[in-house]
Amino acid sequence: MVVADVSTLFTVTDAGERPNANGWPNTDLSLHLSRAPTGPWIGVAQRGTWHGDGRGMTESEIFDAYGRIGRSCQSVVLLPAM
């Protein structure tokens, strides 16, 4: 769950800097797993789609050393900078 929850952080910082926002809470989080992870680590390959008004969506593929475990999806919003 933690890997899926922090995926938005990865997508908003992909440009190499923090966006001009006061935060980016996820408004919902869906996690779909096809099996339990095997081994000592979990990987994530994320992508985000953002709109000019600060709304967006993050999707992540979650995997371990043996392949895909599942996928997460979350709606997110950039809070206006103060």
PDB file of N, CA and C in Angstrom:
ATOM      1  N   MET A   1       0.824  -1.195   0.000  1.00  0.00           N
ATOM      2  CA  MET A   1       0.000   0.000   0.000  1.00  0.00           C
ATOM      3  C   MET A   1       0.863   1.252   0.000  1.00  0.00           C
ATOM      4  N   VAL A   2       1.963   1.239   0.723  1.00  0.00           N
ATOM      5  CA  VAL A   2       2.821   2.419   0.809  1.00  0.00           C
ATOM      6  C   VAL A   2       3.374   2.782  -0.558  1.00  0.00           C
ATOM      7  N   VAL A   3       3.817   1.785  -1.319  1.00  0.00           N
ATOM      8  CA  VAL A   3       4.360   2.051  -2.655  1.00  0.00           C
ATOM      9  C   VAL A   3       3.303   2.712  -3.533  1.00  0.00           C
ATOM     10  N   ALA A   4       2.087   2.229  -3.495  1.00  0.00           N
ATOM     11  CA  ALA A   4       1.013   2.818  -4.291  1.00  0.00           C
ATOM     12  C   ALA A   4       0.705   4.237  -3.832  1.00  0.00           C
ATOM     13  N   ASP A   5       0.722   4.470  -2.536  1.00  0.00           N
ATOM     14  CA  ASP A   5       0.365   5.781  -2.000  1.00  0.00           C
ATOM     15  C   ASP A   5       1.385   6.856  -2.371  1.00  0.00           C
ATOM     16  N   VAL A   6       2.671   6.533  -2.429  1.00  0.00           N
ATOM     17  CA  VAL A   6       3.681   7.551  -2.734  1.00  0.00           C
ATOM     18  C   VAL A   6       3.926   7.724  -4.236  1.00  0.00           C
ATOM     19  N   SER A   7       3.207   7.003  -5.076  1.00  0.00           N
ATOM     20  CA  SER A   7       3.392   7.128  -6.521  1.00  0.00           C
ATOM     21  C   SER A   7       3.126   8.537  -7.024  1.00  0.00           C
ATOM     22  N   THR A   8       2.183   9.241  -6.417  1.00  0.00           N
ATOM     23  CA  THR A   8       1.914  10.618  -6.827  1.00  0.00           C
ATOM     24  C   THR A   8       3.131  11.495  -6.587  1.00  0.00           C
ATOM     25  N   LEU A   9       3.818  11.295  -5.486  1.00  0.00           N
ATOM     26  CA  LEU A   9       5.043  12.054  -5.210  1.00  0.00           C
ATOM     27  C   LEU A   9       6.044  11.869  -6.345  1.00  0.00           C
ATOM     28  N   PHE A  10       6.198  10.643  -6.833  1.00  0.00           N
ATOM     29  CA  PHE A  10       7.125  10.395  -7.927  1.00  0.00           C
ATOM     30  C   PHE A  10       6.721  11.143  -9.189  1.00  0.00           C
ATOM     31  N   THR A  11       5.440  11.168  -9.503  1.00  0.00           N
ATOM     32  CA  THR A  11       5.010  11.818 -10.740  1.00  0.00           C
ATOM     33  C   THR A  11       5.097  13.331 -10.667  1.00  0.00           C
ATOM     34  N   VAL A  12       4.846  13.930  -9.504  1.00  0.00           N
ATOM     35  CA  VAL A  12       4.915  15.396  -9.434  1.00  0.00           C
ATOM     36  C   VAL A  12       6.353  15.892  -9.377  1.00  0.00           C
ATOM     37  N   THR A  13       7.292  15.026  -9.026  1.00  0.00           N
ATOM     38  CA  THR A  13       8.694  15.438  -8.977  1.00  0.00           C
ATOM     39  C   THR A  13       9.508  14.892 -10.143  1.00  0.00           C
ATOM     40  N   ASP A  14       8.872  14.261 -11.126  1.00  0.00           N
ATOM     41  CA  ASP A  14       9.582  13.723 -12.284  1.00  0.00           C
ATOM     42  C   ASP A  14      10.367  14.794 -13.034  1.00  0.00           C
ATOM     43  N   ALA A  15       9.928  16.029 -12.976  1.00  0.00           N
ATOM     44  CA  ALA A  15      10.628  17.117 -13.670  1.00  0.00           C
ATOM     45  C   ALA A  15      11.916  17.508 -12.954  1.00  0.00           C
ATOM     46  N   GLY A  16      12.177  16.930 -11.785  1.00  0.00           N
ATOM     47  CA  GLY A  16      13.399  17.199 -11.066  1.00  0.00           C
ATOM     48  C   GLY A  16      13.284  18.289 -10.025  1.00  0.00           C
ATOM     49  N   GLU A  17      12.099  18.851  -9.856  1.00  0.00           N
ATOM     50  CA  GLU A  17      11.900  19.892  -8.856  1.00  0.00           C
ATOM     51  C   GLU A  17      10.507  19.794  -8.278  1.00  0.00           C
ATOM     52  N   ARG A  18      10.335  20.376  -7.119  1.00  0.00           N
ATOM     53  CA  ARG A  18       9.030  20.391  -6.477  1.00  0.00           C
ATOM     54  C   ARG A  18       8.117  21.373  -7.201  1.00  0.00           C
ATOM     55  N   PRO A  19       6.881  20.975  -7.493  1.00  0.00           N
ATOM     56  CA  PRO A  19       5.964  21.913  -8.153  1.00  0.00           C
ATOM     57  C   PRO A  19       5.577  23.063  -7.222  1.00  0.00           C
ATOM     58  N   ASN A  20       5.138  24.160  -7.788  1.00  0.00           N
ATOM     59  CA  ASN A  20       4.701  25.314  -7.010  1.00  0.00           C
ATOM     60  C   ASN A  20       3.308  25.016  -6.461  1.00  0.00           C
ATOM     61  N   ALA A  21       3.269  24.202  -5.426  1.00  0.00           N
ATOM     62  CA  ALA A  21       1.997  23.776  -4.825  1.00  0.00           C
ATOM     63  C   ALA A  21       2.186  23.615  -3.328  1.00  0.00           C
ATOM     64  N   ASN A  22       1.097  23.677  -2.607  1.00  0.00           N
ATOM     65  CA  ASN A  22       1.126  23.515  -1.154  1.00  0.00           C
ATOM     66  C   ASN A  22       0.936  22.055  -0.756  1.00  0.00           C
ATOM     67  N   GLY A  23       0.940  21.176  -1.705  1.00  0.00           N
ATOM     68  CA  GLY A  23       0.778  19.745  -1.450  1.00  0.00           C
ATOM     69  C   GLY A  23       0.018  19.092  -2.591  1.00  0.00           C
ATOM     70  N   TRP A  24      -0.100  17.782  -2.532  1.00  0.00           N
ATOM     71  CA  TRP A  24      -0.790  17.034  -3.577  1.00  0.00           C
ATOM     72  C   TRP A  24      -1.443  15.790  -2.980  1.00  0.00           C
ATOM     73  N   PRO A  25      -2.516  15.992  -2.222  1.00  0.00           N
ATOM     74  CA  PRO A  25      -3.193  14.835  -1.617  1.00  0.00           C
ATOM     75  C   PRO A  25      -3.886  13.976  -2.669  1.00  0.00           C
ATOM     76  N   ASN A  26      -3.867  12.687  -2.436  1.00  0.00           N
ATOM     77  CA  ASN A  26      -4.653  11.809  -3.305  1.00  0.00           C
ATOM     78  C   ASN A  26      -6.068  11.763  -2.747  1.00  0.00           C
ATOM     79  N   THR A  27      -7.021  11.941  -3.614  1.00  0.00           N
ATOM     80  CA  THR A  27      -8.415  11.979  -3.183  1.00  0.00           C
ATOM     81  C   THR A  27      -9.030  10.596  -3.101  1.00  0.00           C
ATOM     82  N   ASP A  28      -8.411   9.638  -3.726  1.00  0.00           N
ATOM     83  CA  ASP A  28      -8.817   8.237  -3.606  1.00  0.00           C
ATOM     84  C   ASP A  28      -7.644   7.367  -4.019  1.00  0.00           C
ATOM     85  N   LEU A  29      -7.683   6.107  -3.669  1.00  0.00           N
ATOM     86  CA  LEU A  29      -6.617   5.176  -4.021  1.00  0.00           C
ATOM     87  C   LEU A  29      -7.230   3.800  -4.216  1.00  0.00           C
ATOM     88  N   SER A  30      -7.023   3.235  -5.403  1.00  0.00           N
ATOM     89  CA  SER A  30      -7.477   1.871  -5.690  1.00  0.00           C
ATOM     90  C   SER A  30      -6.249   1.014  -5.922  1.00  0.00           C
ATOM     91  N   LEU A  31      -6.215  -0.138  -5.301  1.00  0.00           N
ATOM     92  CA  LEU A  31      -5.091  -1.055  -5.433  1.00  0.00           C
ATOM     93  C   LEU A  31      -5.649  -2.408  -5.835  1.00  0.00           C
ATOM     94  N   HIS A  32      -5.155  -2.932  -6.938  1.00  0.00           N
ATOM     95  CA  HIS A  32      -5.605  -4.224  -7.452  1.00  0.00           C
ATOM     96  C   HIS A  32      -4.392  -5.140  -7.562  1.00  0.00           C
ATOM     97  N   LEU A  33      -4.378  -6.210  -6.789  1.00  0.00           N
ATOM     98  CA  LEU A  33      -3.258  -7.149  -6.785  1.00  0.00           C
ATOM     99  C   LEU A  33      -3.707  -8.511  -7.274  1.00  0.00           C
ATOM    100  N   SER A  34      -2.865  -9.128  -8.105  1.00  0.00           N
ATOM    101  CA  SER A  34      -3.185 -10.462  -8.603  1.00  0.00           C
ATOM    102  C   SER A  34      -2.529 -11.551  -7.771  1.00  0.00           C
ATOM    103  N   ARG A  35      -1.513 -11.155  -6.965  1.00  0.00           N
ATOM    104  CA  ARG A  35      -0.848 -12.121  -6.087  1.00  0.00           C
ATOM    105  C   ARG A  35      -0.059 -11.359  -5.027  1.00  0.00           C
ATOM    106  N   ALA A  36       0.375 -12.078  -4.010  1.00  0.00           N
ATOM    107  CA  ALA A  36       1.214 -11.482  -2.968  1.00  0.00           C
ATOM    108  C   ALA A  36       2.638 -11.328  -3.498  1.00  0.00           C
ATOM    109  N   PRO A  37       3.367 -10.308  -3.065  1.00  0.00           N
ATOM    110  CA  PRO A  37       4.754 -10.146  -3.512  1.00  0.00           C
ATOM    111  C   PRO A  37       5.642 -11.273  -2.995  1.00  0.00           C
ATOM    112  N   THR A  38       6.682 -11.569  -3.771  1.00  0.00           N
ATOM    113  CA  THR A  38       7.660 -12.583  -3.402  1.00  0.00           C
ATOM    114  C   THR A  38       9.034 -11.937  -3.377  1.00  0.00           C
ATOM    115  N   GLY A  39       9.781 -12.153  -2.318  1.00  0.00           N
ATOM    116  CA  GLY A  39      11.129 -11.604  -2.229  1.00  0.00           C
ATOM    117  C   GLY A  39      11.190 -10.355  -1.363  1.00  0.00           C
ATOM    118  N   PRO A  40      12.400  -9.785  -1.240  1.00  0.00           N
ATOM    119  CA  PRO A  40      12.619  -8.690  -0.294  1.00  0.00           C
ATOM    120  C   PRO A  40      12.298  -7.286  -0.802  1.00  0.00           C
ATOM    121  N   TRP A  41      11.935  -7.112  -2.065  1.00  0.00           N
ATOM    122  CA  TRP A  41      11.690  -5.751  -2.560  1.00  0.00           C
ATOM    123  C   TRP A  41      10.475  -5.698  -3.475  1.00  0.00           C
ATOM    124  N   ILE A  42       9.943  -4.480  -3.625  1.00  0.00           N
ATOM    125  CA  ILE A  42       8.818  -4.199  -4.519  1.00  0.00           C
ATOM    126  C   ILE A  42       9.194  -2.992  -5.359  1.00  0.00           C
ATOM    127  N   GLY A  43       8.915  -3.065  -6.643  1.00  0.00           N
ATOM    128  CA  GLY A  43       9.190  -1.949  -7.551  1.00  0.00           C
ATOM    129  C   GLY A  43       7.896  -1.319  -8.034  1.00  0.00           C
ATOM    130  N   VAL A  44       8.033  -0.085  -8.546  1.00  0.00           N
ATOM    131  CA  VAL A  44       6.872   0.628  -9.073  1.00  0.00           C
ATOM    132  C   VAL A  44       7.288   1.401 -10.315  1.00  0.00           C
ATOM    133  N   ALA A  45       6.466   1.337 -11.339  1.00  0.00           N
ATOM    134  CA  ALA A  45       6.654   2.135 -12.558  1.00  0.00           C
ATOM    135  C   ALA A  45       5.410   2.998 -12.688  1.00  0.00           C
ATOM    136  N   GLN A  46       5.558   4.284 -12.435  1.00  0.00           N
ATOM    137  CA  GLN A  46       4.405   5.173 -12.366  1.00  0.00           C
ATOM    138  C   GLN A  46       4.361   6.127 -13.555  1.00  0.00           C
ATOM    139  N   ARG A  47       3.159   6.641 -13.776  1.00  0.00           N
ATOM    140  CA  ARG A  47       2.968   7.716 -14.747  1.00  0.00           C
ATOM    141  C   ARG A  47       1.808   8.566 -14.261  1.00  0.00           C
ATOM    142  N   GLY A  48       1.886   9.834 -14.537  1.00  0.00           N
ATOM    143  CA  GLY A  48       0.842  10.740 -14.110  1.00  0.00           C
ATOM    144  C   GLY A  48       0.343  11.583 -15.261  1.00  0.00           C
ATOM    145  N   THR A  49      -0.915  11.931 -15.205  1.00  0.00           N
ATOM    146  CA  THR A  49      -1.536  12.824 -16.171  1.00  0.00           C
ATOM    147  C   THR A  49      -2.066  14.015 -15.394  1.00  0.00           C
ATOM    148  N   TRP A  50      -1.606  15.210 -15.760  1.00  0.00           N
ATOM    149  CA  TRP A  50      -1.989  16.422 -15.040  1.00  0.00           C
ATOM    150  C   TRP A  50      -2.662  17.408 -15.980  1.00  0.00           C
ATOM    151  N   HIS A  51      -3.595  18.181 -15.440  1.00  0.00           N
ATOM    152  CA  HIS A  51      -4.313  19.198 -16.196  1.00  0.00           C
ATOM    153  C   HIS A  51      -3.945  20.580 -15.655  1.00  0.00           C
ATOM    154  N   GLY A  52      -4.135  21.617 -16.442  1.00  0.00           N
ATOM    155  CA  GLY A  52      -3.756  22.964 -16.077  1.00  0.00           C
ATOM    156  C   GLY A  52      -4.427  23.495 -14.828  1.00  0.00           C
ATOM    157  N   ASP A  53      -5.561  22.927 -14.445  1.00  0.00           N
ATOM    158  CA  ASP A  53      -6.254  23.398 -13.238  1.00  0.00           C
ATOM    159  C   ASP A  53      -5.784  22.677 -11.975  1.00  0.00           C
ATOM    160  N   GLY A  54      -4.754  21.812 -12.082  1.00  0.00           N
ATOM    161  CA  GLY A  54      -4.195  21.144 -10.914  1.00  0.00           C
ATOM    162  C   GLY A  54      -4.745  19.764 -10.625  1.00  0.00           C
ATOM    163  N   ARG A  55      -5.684  19.296 -11.416  1.00  0.00           N
ATOM    164  CA  ARG A  55      -6.220  17.938 -11.223  1.00  0.00           C
ATOM    165  C   ARG A  55      -5.395  16.949 -12.014  1.00  0.00           C
ATOM    166  N   GLY A  56      -5.391  15.700 -11.546  1.00  0.00           N
ATOM    167  CA  GLY A  56      -4.646  14.685 -12.273  1.00  0.00           C
ATOM    168  C   GLY A  56      -4.978  13.290 -11.813  1.00  0.00           C
ATOM    169  N   MET A  57      -4.265  12.340 -12.404  1.00  0.00           N
ATOM    170  CA  MET A  57      -4.422  10.945 -12.042  1.00  0.00           C
ATOM    171  C   MET A  57      -3.059  10.269 -12.135  1.00  0.00           C
ATOM    172  N   THR A  58      -2.781   9.410 -11.172  1.00  0.00           N
ATOM    173  CA  THR A  58      -1.539   8.642 -11.151  1.00  0.00           C
ATOM    174  C   THR A  58      -1.882   7.164 -11.295  1.00  0.00           C
ATOM    175  N   GLU A  59      -1.158   6.492 -12.193  1.00  0.00           N
ATOM    176  CA  GLU A  59      -1.300   5.051 -12.361  1.00  0.00           C
ATOM    177  C   GLU A  59       0.064   4.431 -12.122  1.00  0.00           C
ATOM    178  N   SER A  60       0.105   3.285 -11.446  1.00  0.00           N
ATOM    179  CA  SER A  60       1.374   2.631 -11.157  1.00  0.00           C
ATOM    180  C   SER A  60       1.275   1.139 -11.389  1.00  0.00           C
ATOM    181  N   GLU A  61       2.296   0.602 -12.042  1.00  0.00           N
ATOM    182  CA  GLU A  61       2.439  -0.845 -12.137  1.00  0.00           C
ATOM    183  C   GLU A  61       3.329  -1.267 -10.978  1.00  0.00           C
ATOM    184  N   ILE A  62       2.905  -2.253 -10.220  1.00  0.00           N
ATOM    185  CA  ILE A  62       3.644  -2.719  -9.055  1.00  0.00           C
ATOM    186  C   ILE A  62       4.173  -4.115  -9.375  1.00  0.00           C
ATOM    187  N   PHE A  63       5.460  -4.338  -9.103  1.00  0.00           N
ATOM    188  CA  PHE A  63       6.079  -5.607  -9.480  1.00  0.00           C
ATOM    189  C   PHE A  63       7.121  -6.031  -8.444  1.00  0.00           C
ATOM    190  N   ASP A  64       7.528  -7.295  -8.532  1.00  0.00           N
ATOM    191  CA  ASP A  64       8.638  -7.817  -7.737  1.00  0.00           C
ATOM    192  C   ASP A  64       9.622  -8.465  -8.708  1.00  0.00           C
ATOM    193  N   ALA A  65      10.585  -9.209  -8.199  1.00  0.00           N
ATOM    194  CA  ALA A  65      11.610  -9.818  -9.052  1.00  0.00           C
ATOM    195  C   ALA A  65      11.030 -10.840 -10.032  1.00  0.00           C
ATOM    196  N   TYR A  66       9.819 -11.302  -9.788  1.00  0.00           N
ATOM    197  CA  TYR A  66       9.218 -12.335 -10.635  1.00  0.00           C
ATOM    198  C   TYR A  66       8.178 -11.800 -11.605  1.00  0.00           C
ATOM    199  N   GLY A  67       7.949 -10.487 -11.571  1.00  0.00           N
ATOM    200  CA  GLY A  67       7.005  -9.905 -12.522  1.00  0.00           C
ATOM    201  C   GLY A  67       5.941  -9.052 -11.856  1.00  0.00           C
ATOM    202  N   ARG A  68       4.933  -8.773 -12.624  1.00  0.00           N
ATOM    203  CA  ARG A  68       3.855  -7.879 -12.197  1.00  0.00           C
ATOM    204  C   ARG A  68       3.033  -8.478 -11.064  1.00  0.00           C
ATOM    205  N   ILE A  69       2.769  -7.640 -10.060  1.00  0.00           N
ATOM    206  CA  ILE A  69       1.915  -8.020  -8.938  1.00  0.00           C
ATOM    207  C   ILE A  69       0.525  -7.428  -9.134  1.00  0.00           C
ATOM    208  N   GLY A  70       0.492  -6.172  -9.605  1.00  0.00           N
ATOM    209  CA  GLY A  70      -0.788  -5.512  -9.776  1.00  0.00           C
ATOM    210  C   GLY A  70      -0.639  -4.075 -10.222  1.00  0.00           C
ATOM    211  N   ARG A  71      -1.678  -3.279  -9.944  1.00  0.00           N
ATOM    212  CA  ARG A  71      -1.735  -1.896 -10.395  1.00  0.00           C
ATOM    213  C   ARG A  71      -2.478  -1.059  -9.366  1.00  0.00           C
ATOM    214  N   SER A  72      -2.052   0.202  -9.270  1.00  0.00           N
ATOM    215  CA  SER A  72      -2.784   1.152  -8.435  1.00  0.00           C
ATOM    216  C   SER A  72      -3.198   2.335  -9.292  1.00  0.00           C
ATOM    217  N   CYS A  73      -4.222   3.021  -8.862  1.00  0.00           N
ATOM    218  CA  CYS A  73      -4.723   4.204  -9.557  1.00  0.00           C
ATOM    219  C   CYS A  73      -5.261   5.163  -8.511  1.00  0.00           C
ATOM    220  N   GLN A  74      -4.958   6.462  -8.681  1.00  0.00           N
ATOM    221  CA  GLN A  74      -5.470   7.443  -7.737  1.00  0.00           C
ATOM    222  C   GLN A  74      -5.718   8.779  -8.408  1.00  0.00           C
ATOM    223  N   SER A  75      -6.804   9.421  -8.009  1.00  0.00           N
ATOM    224  CA  SER A  75      -7.103  10.782  -8.436  1.00  0.00           C
ATOM    225  C   SER A  75      -6.396  11.712  -7.464  1.00  0.00           C
ATOM    226  N   VAL A  76      -5.794  12.781  -7.996  1.00  0.00           N
ATOM    227  CA  VAL A  76      -5.023  13.682  -7.145  1.00  0.00           C
ATOM    228  C   VAL A  76      -5.284  15.130  -7.557  1.00  0.00           C
ATOM    229  N   VAL A  77      -4.877  16.051  -6.687  1.00  0.00           N
ATOM    230  CA  VAL A  77      -5.044  17.461  -6.963  1.00  0.00           C
ATOM    231  C   VAL A  77      -3.843  18.203  -6.384  1.00  0.00           C
ATOM    232  N   LEU A  78      -3.352  19.209  -7.102  1.00  0.00           N
ATOM    233  CA  LEU A  78      -2.299  20.081  -6.567  1.00  0.00           C
ATOM    234  C   LEU A  78      -2.980  21.194  -5.810  1.00  0.00           C
ATOM    235  N   LEU A  79      -2.614  21.377  -4.549  1.00  0.00           N
ATOM    236  CA  LEU A  79      -3.191  22.464  -3.746  1.00  0.00           C
ATOM    237  C   LEU A  79      -2.488  23.772  -4.101  1.00  0.00           C
ATOM    238  N   PRO A  80      -3.217  24.875  -4.196  1.00  0.00           N
ATOM    239  CA  PRO A  80      -2.603  26.161  -4.547  1.00  0.00           C
ATOM    240  C   PRO A  80      -1.492  26.536  -3.561  1.00  0.00           C
ATOM    241  N   ALA A  81      -0.437  27.152  -4.084  1.00  0.00           N
ATOM    242  CA  ALA A  81       0.661  27.608  -3.241  1.00  0.00           C
ATOM    243  C   ALA A  81       0.164  28.749  -2.374  1.00  0.00           C
ATOM    244  N   MET A  82       0.665  28.831  -1.169  1.00  0.00           N
ATOM    245  CA  MET A  82       0.267  29.899  -0.236  1.00  0.00           C
ATOM    246  C   MET A  82       1.242  31.055  -0.309  1.00  0.00           C
TER     247      MET A  82
END
